[in-house]
Amino acid sequence: MEVILYISVAIIAVAFFILVVYITRTLRSLQMTLTSVSHTLDGLEKQLQGVTSETTSLLQKTNVLAEDLQQKSESLNGVVSAVKEVGRSVQKFNHSVDRIADRVTSQMNEQEEKISQVVQWGNVALEIRDRFRARKKQPTQVEQPIVVPNEREADPQPKKPERKRSRSRSYDGA
């Protein structure tokens, strides 16, 4: 029985040795895996530091751009205000031109009779000139008397001279 005992101990020792060999292989494999994971984590840490520095730089540039945009927006507000003032000035100018045109029209209406008399006297002067020239060209013809109308003999309703009035009030910015 002793032999069986020695054989059993020898089998247990061999089994224990095989177990130790396989556990050693497993632990070495685990060590290589952990080393690889460690190197991967080191690389990730370096990349994360790079991303962090780039993010910080990008954030600073974004802040600078935001400040620049704010300044330009404020200066643009001044330009918009100036354009509004120009628009008001143009409206005031148009209103002034309208008032002047209305005054001229009303004064023309008031002076219409005088204008018609001036036109009649102008026609008489032209007729006298034409007859004078005709008399110089043909001295043998008998002259007809020139009739000069006075205010009472003139037409009761003299013809109004035709007026063309064009006034554009549109502003198209060109």
N, C-alpha and C. Protein backbone atom coordinates (compact mmCIF):
# COMPACT_ATOMS: atom_id res chain seq x y z
N MET A 1 0.80 -1.14 0.00
CA MET A 1 0.00 0.00 0.00
C MET A 1 0.87 1.25 0.00
N GLU A 2 1.91 1.04 0.40
CA GLU A 2 2.80 2.17 0.36
C GLU A 2 3.12 2.58 -1.05
N VAL A 3 3.19 1.66 -1.85
CA VAL A 3 3.48 1.97 -3.25
C VAL A 3 2.32 2.79 -3.84
N ILE A 4 1.18 2.42 -3.51
CA ILE A 4 0.03 3.15 -4.04
C ILE A 4 0.08 4.58 -3.49
N LEU A 5 0.48 4.66 -2.31
CA LEU A 5 0.56 5.99 -1.73
C LEU A 5 1.61 6.82 -2.47
N TYR A 6 2.75 6.25 -2.74
CA TYR A 6 3.79 6.97 -3.46
C TYR A 6 3.34 7.30 -4.88
N ILE A 7 2.66 6.42 -5.52
CA ILE A 7 2.17 6.66 -6.88
C ILE A 7 1.11 7.77 -6.83
N SER A 8 0.29 7.74 -5.84
CA SER A 8 -0.75 8.78 -5.73
C SER A 8 -0.10 10.13 -5.49
N VAL A 9 0.92 10.17 -4.65
CA VAL A 9 1.60 11.44 -4.38
C VAL A 9 2.30 11.90 -5.65
N ALA A 10 2.90 10.96 -6.39
CA ALA A 10 3.59 11.34 -7.63
C ALA A 10 2.57 11.88 -8.65
N ILE A 11 1.41 11.29 -8.74
CA ILE A 11 0.38 11.76 -9.69
C ILE A 11 -0.11 13.14 -9.26
N ILE A 12 -0.28 13.30 -7.96
CA ILE A 12 -0.73 14.61 -7.47
C ILE A 12 0.34 15.65 -7.77
N ALA A 13 1.62 15.28 -7.59
CA ALA A 13 2.70 16.23 -7.85
C ALA A 13 2.73 16.60 -9.33
N VAL A 14 2.59 15.61 -10.19
CA VAL A 14 2.59 15.88 -11.64
C VAL A 14 1.37 16.75 -11.99
N ALA A 15 0.25 16.44 -11.43
CA ALA A 15 -0.96 17.24 -11.72
C ALA A 15 -0.77 18.66 -11.21
N PHE A 16 -0.16 18.75 -10.02
CA PHE A 16 0.08 20.09 -9.49
C PHE A 16 1.06 20.84 -10.37
N PHE A 17 2.10 20.13 -10.87
CA PHE A 17 3.07 20.76 -11.76
C PHE A 17 2.41 21.25 -13.05
N ILE A 18 1.54 20.43 -13.63
CA ILE A 18 0.83 20.80 -14.87
C ILE A 18 -0.08 22.01 -14.60
N LEU A 19 -0.71 21.97 -13.43
CA LEU A 19 -1.57 23.09 -13.06
C LEU A 19 -0.75 24.38 -12.92
N VAL A 20 0.40 24.29 -12.33
CA VAL A 20 1.28 25.46 -12.14
C VAL A 20 1.74 25.96 -13.51
N VAL A 21 2.08 25.07 -14.42
CA VAL A 21 2.53 25.48 -15.77
C VAL A 21 1.40 26.23 -16.48
N TYR A 22 0.22 25.70 -16.44
CA TYR A 22 -0.89 26.37 -17.13
C TYR A 22 -1.25 27.71 -16.45
N ILE A 23 -1.20 27.75 -15.15
CA ILE A 23 -1.47 29.02 -14.45
C ILE A 23 -0.39 30.03 -14.79
N THR A 24 0.87 29.59 -14.91
CA THR A 24 1.97 30.49 -15.28
C THR A 24 1.73 31.05 -16.68
N ARG A 25 1.35 30.17 -17.60
CA ARG A 25 1.07 30.65 -18.98
C ARG A 25 -0.08 31.66 -18.97
N THR A 26 -1.10 31.37 -18.22
CA THR A 26 -2.24 32.27 -18.17
C THR A 26 -1.84 33.60 -17.56
N LEU A 27 -1.03 33.54 -16.51
CA LEU A 27 -0.60 34.80 -15.88
C LEU A 27 0.31 35.62 -16.81
N ARG A 28 1.18 34.95 -17.58
CA ARG A 28 2.03 35.67 -18.54
C ARG A 28 1.17 36.32 -19.63
N SER A 29 0.20 35.58 -20.09
CA SER A 29 -0.70 36.13 -21.11
C SER A 29 -1.46 37.33 -20.54
N LEU A 30 -1.89 37.19 -19.29
CA LEU A 30 -2.59 38.29 -18.63
C LEU A 30 -1.66 39.49 -18.45
N GLN A 31 -0.38 39.21 -18.15
CA GLN A 31 0.59 40.30 -17.99
C GLN A 31 0.79 41.02 -19.30
N MET A 32 0.89 40.30 -20.41
CA MET A 32 1.07 40.95 -21.72
C MET A 32 -0.17 41.77 -22.08
N THR A 33 -1.34 41.26 -21.76
CA THR A 33 -2.58 41.99 -22.04
C THR A 33 -2.63 43.27 -21.21
N LEU A 34 -2.27 43.19 -19.96
CA LEU A 34 -2.28 44.37 -19.11
C LEU A 34 -1.23 45.39 -19.57
N THR A 35 -0.08 44.92 -20.04
CA THR A 35 0.94 45.82 -20.57
C THR A 35 0.41 46.55 -21.80
N SER A 36 -0.27 45.80 -22.66
CA SER A 36 -0.85 46.41 -23.87
C SER A 36 -1.92 47.44 -23.49
N VAL A 37 -2.74 47.11 -22.51
CA VAL A 37 -3.78 48.05 -22.05
C VAL A 37 -3.12 49.29 -21.46
N SER A 38 -2.02 49.10 -20.75
CA SER A 38 -1.31 50.23 -20.15
C SER A 38 -0.77 51.16 -21.25
N HIS A 39 -0.17 50.56 -22.28
CA HIS A 39 0.34 51.39 -23.39
C HIS A 39 -0.80 52.12 -24.10
N THR A 40 -1.91 51.44 -24.28
CA THR A 40 -3.08 52.06 -24.92
C THR A 40 -3.58 53.23 -24.09
N LEU A 41 -3.64 53.04 -22.78
CA LEU A 41 -4.10 54.13 -21.91
C LEU A 41 -3.12 55.31 -21.93
N ASP A 42 -1.82 55.04 -22.01
CA ASP A 42 -0.84 56.12 -22.12
C ASP A 42 -1.07 56.92 -23.41
N GLY A 43 -1.29 56.21 -24.51
CA GLY A 43 -1.56 56.89 -25.78
C GLY A 43 -2.84 57.72 -25.71
N LEU A 44 -3.87 57.14 -25.10
CA LEU A 44 -5.14 57.87 -24.96
C LEU A 44 -4.96 59.12 -24.09
N GLU A 45 -4.13 59.00 -23.04
CA GLU A 45 -3.88 60.15 -22.17
C GLU A 45 -3.19 61.27 -22.95
N LYS A 46 -2.21 60.90 -23.78
CA LYS A 46 -1.52 61.91 -24.60
C LYS A 46 -2.49 62.55 -25.59
N GLN A 47 -3.32 61.74 -26.23
CA GLN A 47 -4.29 62.28 -27.18
C GLN A 47 -5.30 63.18 -26.47
N LEU A 48 -5.73 62.78 -25.30
CA LEU A 48 -6.67 63.58 -24.53
C LEU A 48 -6.05 64.93 -24.14
N GLN A 49 -4.77 64.92 -23.81
CA GLN A 49 -4.09 66.19 -23.51
C GLN A 49 -4.05 67.07 -24.76
N GLY A 50 -3.78 66.49 -25.92
CA GLY A 50 -3.78 67.25 -27.18
C GLY A 50 -5.15 67.83 -27.48
N VAL A 51 -6.19 67.01 -27.29
CA VAL A 51 -7.56 67.48 -27.53
C VAL A 51 -7.92 68.59 -26.55
N THR A 52 -7.48 68.45 -25.31
CA THR A 52 -7.77 69.48 -24.31
C THR A 52 -7.10 70.80 -24.68
N SER A 53 -5.84 70.74 -25.11
CA SER A 53 -5.16 71.98 -25.49
C SER A 53 -5.80 72.59 -26.73
N GLU A 54 -6.19 71.78 -27.70
CA GLU A 54 -6.86 72.30 -28.89
C GLU A 54 -8.23 72.89 -28.53
N THR A 55 -8.93 72.26 -27.62
CA THR A 55 -10.23 72.77 -27.18
C THR A 55 -10.07 74.12 -26.49
N THR A 56 -9.03 74.24 -25.66
CA THR A 56 -8.76 75.51 -24.97
C THR A 56 -8.44 76.59 -25.99
N SER A 57 -7.61 76.28 -26.97
CA SER A 57 -7.26 77.24 -28.01
C SER A 57 -8.49 77.65 -28.81
N LEU A 58 -9.32 76.68 -29.16
CA LEU A 58 -10.54 76.96 -29.91
C LEU A 58 -11.50 77.84 -29.11
N LEU A 59 -11.60 77.58 -27.82
CA LEU A 59 -12.46 78.37 -26.95
C LEU A 59 -11.96 79.82 -26.88
N GLN A 60 -10.65 80.00 -26.80
CA GLN A 60 -10.09 81.36 -26.77
C GLN A 60 -10.38 82.08 -28.08
N LYS A 61 -10.20 81.41 -29.21
CA LYS A 61 -10.49 82.02 -30.51
C LYS A 61 -11.97 82.37 -30.63
N THR A 62 -12.83 81.49 -30.12
CA THR A 62 -14.27 81.75 -30.15
C THR A 62 -14.61 82.98 -29.34
N ASN A 63 -13.97 83.15 -28.18
CA ASN A 63 -14.21 84.34 -27.36
C ASN A 63 -13.76 85.61 -28.08
N VAL A 64 -12.61 85.54 -28.75
CA VAL A 64 -12.11 86.70 -29.50
C VAL A 64 -13.08 87.04 -30.63
N LEU A 65 -13.56 86.03 -31.33
CA LEU A 65 -14.52 86.26 -32.42
C LEU A 65 -15.83 86.84 -31.88
N ALA A 66 -16.26 86.38 -30.72
CA ALA A 66 -17.50 86.90 -30.13
C ALA A 66 -17.34 88.37 -29.77
N GLU A 67 -16.19 88.74 -29.21
CA GLU A 67 -15.94 90.15 -28.89
C GLU A 67 -15.90 90.99 -30.16
N ASP A 68 -15.23 90.49 -31.20
CA ASP A 68 -15.16 91.22 -32.46
C ASP A 68 -16.54 91.39 -33.07
N LEU A 69 -17.33 90.34 -33.00
CA LEU A 69 -18.70 90.40 -33.52
C LEU A 69 -19.53 91.42 -32.74
N GLN A 70 -19.34 91.49 -31.45
CA GLN A 70 -20.07 92.46 -30.62
C GLN A 70 -19.68 93.88 -31.01
N GLN A 71 -18.39 94.13 -31.20
CA GLN A 71 -17.93 95.47 -31.58
C GLN A 71 -18.49 95.85 -32.95
N LYS A 72 -18.44 94.93 -33.88
CA LYS A 72 -18.95 95.23 -35.23
C LYS A 72 -20.46 95.44 -35.19
N SER A 73 -21.14 94.71 -34.36
CA SER A 73 -22.59 94.89 -34.23
C SER A 73 -22.90 96.28 -33.69
N GLU A 74 -22.11 96.72 -32.70
CA GLU A 74 -22.33 98.06 -32.14
C GLU A 74 -22.05 99.14 -33.18
N SER A 75 -20.99 98.97 -33.97
CA SER A 75 -20.69 99.97 -35.01
C SER A 75 -21.75 99.93 -36.11
N LEU A 76 -22.29 98.75 -36.39
CA LEU A 76 -23.35 98.64 -37.39
C LEU A 76 -24.62 99.33 -36.91
N ASN A 77 -24.87 99.29 -35.61
CA ASN A 77 -26.02 100.00 -35.06
C ASN A 77 -25.90 101.50 -35.34
N GLY A 78 -24.69 102.04 -35.23
CA GLY A 78 -24.47 103.45 -35.55
C GLY A 78 -24.76 103.74 -37.01
N VAL A 79 -24.35 102.84 -37.90
CA VAL A 79 -24.60 103.03 -39.33
C VAL A 79 -26.10 102.98 -39.62
N VAL A 80 -26.79 102.05 -39.00
CA VAL A 80 -28.24 101.95 -39.20
C VAL A 80 -28.93 103.23 -38.71
N SER A 81 -28.47 103.74 -37.60
CA SER A 81 -29.05 104.98 -37.07
C SER A 81 -28.80 106.13 -38.04
N ALA A 82 -27.60 106.20 -38.61
CA ALA A 82 -27.28 107.26 -39.57
C ALA A 82 -28.16 107.13 -40.82
N VAL A 83 -28.39 105.92 -41.27
CA VAL A 83 -29.25 105.72 -42.45
C VAL A 83 -30.68 106.16 -42.15
N LYS A 84 -31.15 105.90 -40.93
CA LYS A 84 -32.49 106.35 -40.56
C LYS A 84 -32.57 107.88 -40.60
N GLU A 85 -31.52 108.54 -40.12
CA GLU A 85 -31.49 110.00 -40.12
C GLU A 85 -31.49 110.52 -41.56
N VAL A 86 -30.75 109.88 -42.44
CA VAL A 86 -30.74 110.29 -43.85
C VAL A 86 -32.14 110.13 -44.44
N GLY A 87 -32.80 109.05 -44.10
CA GLY A 87 -34.17 108.84 -44.59
C GLY A 87 -35.10 109.93 -44.10
N ARG A 88 -34.97 110.31 -42.84
CA ARG A 88 -35.81 111.41 -42.32
C ARG A 88 -35.51 112.71 -43.04
N SER A 89 -34.22 112.97 -43.31
CA SER A 89 -33.84 114.20 -44.01
C SER A 89 -34.43 114.22 -45.42
N VAL A 90 -34.39 113.07 -46.09
CA VAL A 90 -34.96 113.00 -47.44
C VAL A 90 -36.46 113.24 -47.39
N GLN A 91 -37.13 112.70 -46.38
CA GLN A 91 -38.57 112.93 -46.25
C GLN A 91 -38.86 114.41 -46.02
N LYS A 92 -38.08 115.06 -45.16
CA LYS A 92 -38.27 116.49 -44.91
C LYS A 92 -38.02 117.29 -46.19
N PHE A 93 -36.98 116.91 -46.95
CA PHE A 93 -36.68 117.60 -48.20
C PHE A 93 -37.84 117.43 -49.18
N ASN A 94 -38.36 116.23 -49.32
CA ASN A 94 -39.50 116.00 -50.22
C ASN A 94 -40.72 116.82 -49.78
N HIS A 95 -40.95 116.89 -48.48
CA HIS A 95 -42.07 117.68 -47.97
C HIS A 95 -41.87 119.15 -48.32
N SER A 96 -40.64 119.65 -48.18
CA SER A 96 -40.35 121.04 -48.52
C SER A 96 -40.57 121.29 -50.01
N VAL A 97 -40.12 120.36 -50.84
CA VAL A 97 -40.31 120.51 -52.29
C VAL A 97 -41.80 120.51 -52.63
N ASP A 98 -42.57 119.67 -51.97
CA ASP A 98 -44.03 119.65 -52.20
C ASP A 98 -44.66 120.99 -51.84
N ARG A 99 -44.25 121.54 -50.71
CA ARG A 99 -44.81 122.84 -50.29
C ARG A 99 -44.45 123.93 -51.29
N ILE A 100 -43.20 123.94 -51.75
CA ILE A 100 -42.79 124.95 -52.72
C ILE A 100 -43.57 124.79 -54.02
N ALA A 101 -43.74 123.55 -54.48
CA ALA A 101 -44.50 123.30 -55.71
C ALA A 101 -45.94 123.75 -55.54
N ASP A 102 -46.52 123.50 -54.38
CA ASP A 102 -47.90 123.94 -54.14
C ASP A 102 -47.99 125.46 -54.14
N ARG A 103 -47.00 126.14 -53.56
CA ARG A 103 -47.00 127.61 -53.56
C ARG A 103 -46.88 128.15 -54.97
N VAL A 104 -45.96 127.54 -55.76
CA VAL A 104 -45.79 128.00 -57.15
C VAL A 104 -47.09 127.81 -57.91
N THR A 105 -47.75 126.68 -57.73
CA THR A 105 -49.02 126.42 -58.42
C THR A 105 -50.08 127.42 -58.00
N SER A 106 -50.17 127.70 -56.72
CA SER A 106 -51.19 128.65 -56.27
C SER A 106 -50.88 130.06 -56.79
N GLN A 107 -49.61 130.44 -56.81
CA GLN A 107 -49.26 131.77 -57.34
C GLN A 107 -49.52 131.83 -58.84
N MET A 108 -49.28 130.72 -59.55
CA MET A 108 -49.58 130.73 -60.99
C MET A 108 -51.08 130.87 -61.21
N ASN A 109 -51.87 130.21 -60.39
CA ASN A 109 -53.32 130.34 -60.52
C ASN A 109 -53.75 131.77 -60.25
N GLU A 110 -53.11 132.42 -59.27
CA GLU A 110 -53.45 133.81 -58.96
C GLU A 110 -53.02 134.74 -60.08
N GLN A 111 -51.92 134.44 -60.72
CA GLN A 111 -51.38 135.32 -61.75
C GLN A 111 -51.81 134.90 -63.16
N GLU A 112 -52.75 134.01 -63.26
CA GLU A 112 -53.16 133.46 -64.55
C GLU A 112 -53.67 134.54 -65.50
N GLU A 113 -54.45 135.48 -65.01
CA GLU A 113 -54.99 136.54 -65.86
C GLU A 113 -53.86 137.41 -66.38
N LYS A 114 -52.94 137.76 -65.54
CA LYS A 114 -51.82 138.58 -65.97
C LYS A 114 -50.99 137.84 -67.00
N ILE A 115 -50.81 136.54 -66.80
CA ILE A 115 -50.03 135.74 -67.75
C ILE A 115 -50.73 135.72 -69.10
N SER A 116 -52.06 135.58 -69.09
CA SER A 116 -52.78 135.55 -70.37
C SER A 116 -52.66 136.89 -71.08
N GLN A 117 -52.68 138.00 -70.33
CA GLN A 117 -52.51 139.33 -70.96
C GLN A 117 -51.11 139.46 -71.55
N VAL A 118 -50.10 138.97 -70.82
CA VAL A 118 -48.73 139.03 -71.34
C VAL A 118 -48.63 138.22 -72.62
N VAL A 119 -49.28 137.06 -72.66
CA VAL A 119 -49.26 136.23 -73.87
C VAL A 119 -49.93 136.97 -75.02
N GLN A 120 -51.06 137.63 -74.75
CA GLN A 120 -51.76 138.39 -75.81
C GLN A 120 -50.87 139.52 -76.32
N TRP A 121 -50.23 140.25 -75.40
CA TRP A 121 -49.35 141.34 -75.83
C TRP A 121 -48.16 140.78 -76.60
N GLY A 122 -47.68 139.62 -76.21
CA GLY A 122 -46.59 139.00 -76.95
C GLY A 122 -47.03 138.64 -78.36
N ASN A 123 -48.25 138.11 -78.49
CA ASN A 123 -48.77 137.78 -79.83
C ASN A 123 -48.92 139.04 -80.68
N VAL A 124 -49.37 140.13 -80.04
CA VAL A 124 -49.51 141.39 -80.78
C VAL A 124 -48.15 141.87 -81.24
N ALA A 125 -47.13 141.78 -80.36
CA ALA A 125 -45.79 142.21 -80.72
C ALA A 125 -45.26 141.38 -81.87
N LEU A 126 -45.49 140.07 -81.84
CA LEU A 126 -45.04 139.22 -82.94
C LEU A 126 -45.76 139.57 -84.24
N GLU A 127 -47.03 139.87 -84.14
CA GLU A 127 -47.78 140.24 -85.34
C GLU A 127 -47.26 141.55 -85.91
N ILE A 128 -46.95 142.50 -85.04
CA ILE A 128 -46.40 143.79 -85.51
C ILE A 128 -45.05 143.53 -86.17
N ARG A 129 -44.23 142.73 -85.58
CA ARG A 129 -42.93 142.43 -86.18
C ARG A 129 -43.09 141.77 -87.54
N ASP A 130 -44.00 140.80 -87.64
CA ASP A 130 -44.22 140.12 -88.92
C ASP A 130 -44.71 141.10 -89.97
N ARG A 131 -45.60 141.99 -89.63
CA ARG A 131 -46.10 142.98 -90.59
C ARG A 131 -45.01 143.96 -90.99
N PHE A 132 -44.17 144.32 -90.03
CA PHE A 132 -43.08 145.24 -90.32
C PHE A 132 -42.11 144.60 -91.31
N ARG A 133 -41.78 143.35 -91.12
CA ARG A 133 -40.91 142.64 -92.05
C ARG A 133 -41.57 142.50 -93.41
N ALA A 134 -42.85 142.19 -93.38
CA ALA A 134 -43.56 142.03 -94.66
C ALA A 134 -43.60 143.37 -95.39
N ARG A 135 -43.74 144.47 -94.69
CA ARG A 135 -43.79 145.79 -95.33
C ARG A 135 -42.44 146.14 -95.94
N LYS A 136 -41.34 145.74 -95.28
CA LYS A 136 -40.03 145.99 -95.84
C LYS A 136 -39.82 145.20 -97.12
N LYS A 137 -40.34 143.99 -97.17
CA LYS A 137 -40.18 143.16 -98.36
C LYS A 137 -41.06 143.65 -99.50
N GLN A 138 -42.28 144.05 -99.21
CA GLN A 138 -43.21 144.49 -100.25
C GLN A 138 -43.70 145.90 -99.93
N PRO A 139 -43.02 146.92 -100.42
CA PRO A 139 -43.43 148.28 -100.10
C PRO A 139 -44.68 148.74 -100.84
N THR A 140 -45.14 148.02 -101.83
CA THR A 140 -46.27 148.46 -102.63
C THR A 140 -47.61 148.10 -102.03
N GLN A 141 -47.67 147.17 -101.18
CA GLN A 141 -48.95 146.77 -100.60
C GLN A 141 -49.41 147.80 -99.59
N VAL A 142 -50.74 147.92 -99.46
CA VAL A 142 -51.33 148.83 -98.50
C VAL A 142 -51.39 148.13 -97.16
N GLU A 143 -50.98 148.86 -96.17
CA GLU A 143 -50.95 148.28 -94.84
C GLU A 143 -52.33 148.28 -94.22
N GLN A 144 -52.61 147.24 -93.46
CA GLN A 144 -53.85 147.16 -92.72
C GLN A 144 -53.59 147.69 -91.32
N PRO A 145 -54.56 148.36 -90.76
CA PRO A 145 -54.33 148.91 -89.42
C PRO A 145 -54.16 147.79 -88.39
N ILE A 146 -53.30 148.07 -87.43
CA ILE A 146 -53.03 147.12 -86.36
C ILE A 146 -53.99 147.39 -85.23
N VAL A 147 -54.67 146.30 -84.81
CA VAL A 147 -55.63 146.43 -83.72
C VAL A 147 -54.97 145.89 -82.44
N VAL A 148 -54.87 146.77 -81.47
CA VAL A 148 -54.28 146.38 -80.19
C VAL A 148 -55.42 146.21 -79.20
N PRO A 149 -55.60 145.00 -78.69
CA PRO A 149 -56.71 144.82 -77.74
C PRO A 149 -56.34 145.43 -76.39
N ASN A 150 -57.32 145.99 -75.76
CA ASN A 150 -57.07 146.43 -74.39
C ASN A 150 -57.76 145.44 -73.46
N GLU A 151 -57.69 145.67 -72.22
CA GLU A 151 -58.19 144.69 -71.26
C GLU A 151 -59.68 144.46 -71.41
N ARG A 152 -60.45 145.47 -71.72
CA ARG A 152 -61.91 145.29 -71.80
C ARG A 152 -62.32 144.65 -73.11
N GLU A 153 -61.55 144.86 -74.17
CA GLU A 153 -61.92 144.28 -75.46
C GLU A 153 -61.40 142.85 -75.61
N ALA A 154 -60.55 142.44 -74.73
CA ALA A 154 -60.01 141.08 -74.80
C ALA A 154 -61.12 140.07 -74.55
N ASP A 155 -60.85 138.82 -74.89
CA ASP A 155 -61.84 137.76 -74.66
C ASP A 155 -62.24 137.75 -73.20
N PRO A 156 -63.55 137.55 -72.94
CA PRO A 156 -63.95 137.47 -71.53
C PRO A 156 -63.28 136.28 -70.82
N GLN A 157 -63.02 135.21 -71.55
CA GLN A 157 -62.33 134.07 -70.97
C GLN A 157 -61.10 133.75 -71.83
N PRO A 158 -60.00 134.34 -71.49
CA PRO A 158 -58.81 134.10 -72.30
C PRO A 158 -58.36 132.63 -72.18
N LYS A 159 -57.73 132.17 -73.24
CA LYS A 159 -57.25 130.79 -73.24
C LYS A 159 -56.09 130.68 -72.26
N LYS A 160 -56.17 129.63 -71.53
CA LYS A 160 -55.10 129.37 -70.57
C LYS A 160 -53.99 128.64 -71.30
N PRO A 161 -52.77 129.07 -71.08
CA PRO A 161 -51.67 128.33 -71.72
C PRO A 161 -51.56 126.94 -71.09
N GLU A 162 -51.29 125.99 -71.96
CA GLU A 162 -51.19 124.62 -71.47
C GLU A 162 -49.89 124.46 -70.71
N ARG A 163 -50.02 123.84 -69.56
CA ARG A 163 -48.83 123.59 -68.74
C ARG A 163 -48.62 122.09 -68.63
N LYS A 164 -47.39 121.74 -68.74
CA LYS A 164 -47.04 120.35 -68.50
C LYS A 164 -46.34 120.31 -67.16
N ARG A 165 -46.88 119.54 -66.30
CA ARG A 165 -46.33 119.48 -64.95
C ARG A 165 -46.02 118.03 -64.62
N SER A 166 -44.76 117.76 -64.38
CA SER A 166 -44.34 116.40 -64.03
C SER A 166 -43.52 116.50 -62.77
N ARG A 167 -43.97 115.81 -61.78
CA ARG A 167 -43.26 115.87 -60.51
C ARG A 167 -43.19 114.45 -59.97
N SER A 168 -41.98 113.96 -59.81
CA SER A 168 -41.77 112.60 -59.30
C SER A 168 -41.42 112.66 -57.84
N ARG A 169 -42.13 111.89 -57.06
CA ARG A 169 -41.89 111.89 -55.62
C ARG A 169 -41.30 110.58 -55.16
N SER A 170 -40.97 109.69 -56.05
CA SER A 170 -40.44 108.40 -55.62
C SER A 170 -38.94 108.51 -55.41
N TYR A 171 -38.47 107.70 -54.49
CA TYR A 171 -37.04 107.64 -54.21
C TYR A 171 -36.66 106.17 -54.22
N ASP A 172 -35.85 105.78 -55.21
CA ASP A 172 -35.48 104.39 -55.29
C ASP A 172 -34.04 104.15 -54.92
N GLY A 173 -33.38 105.13 -54.30
CA GLY A 173 -32.06 104.92 -53.75
C GLY A 173 -30.94 104.90 -54.77
N ALA A 174 -31.20 105.07 -56.08
CA ALA A 174 -30.15 105.02 -57.07
C ALA A 174 -29.48 106.35 -57.25
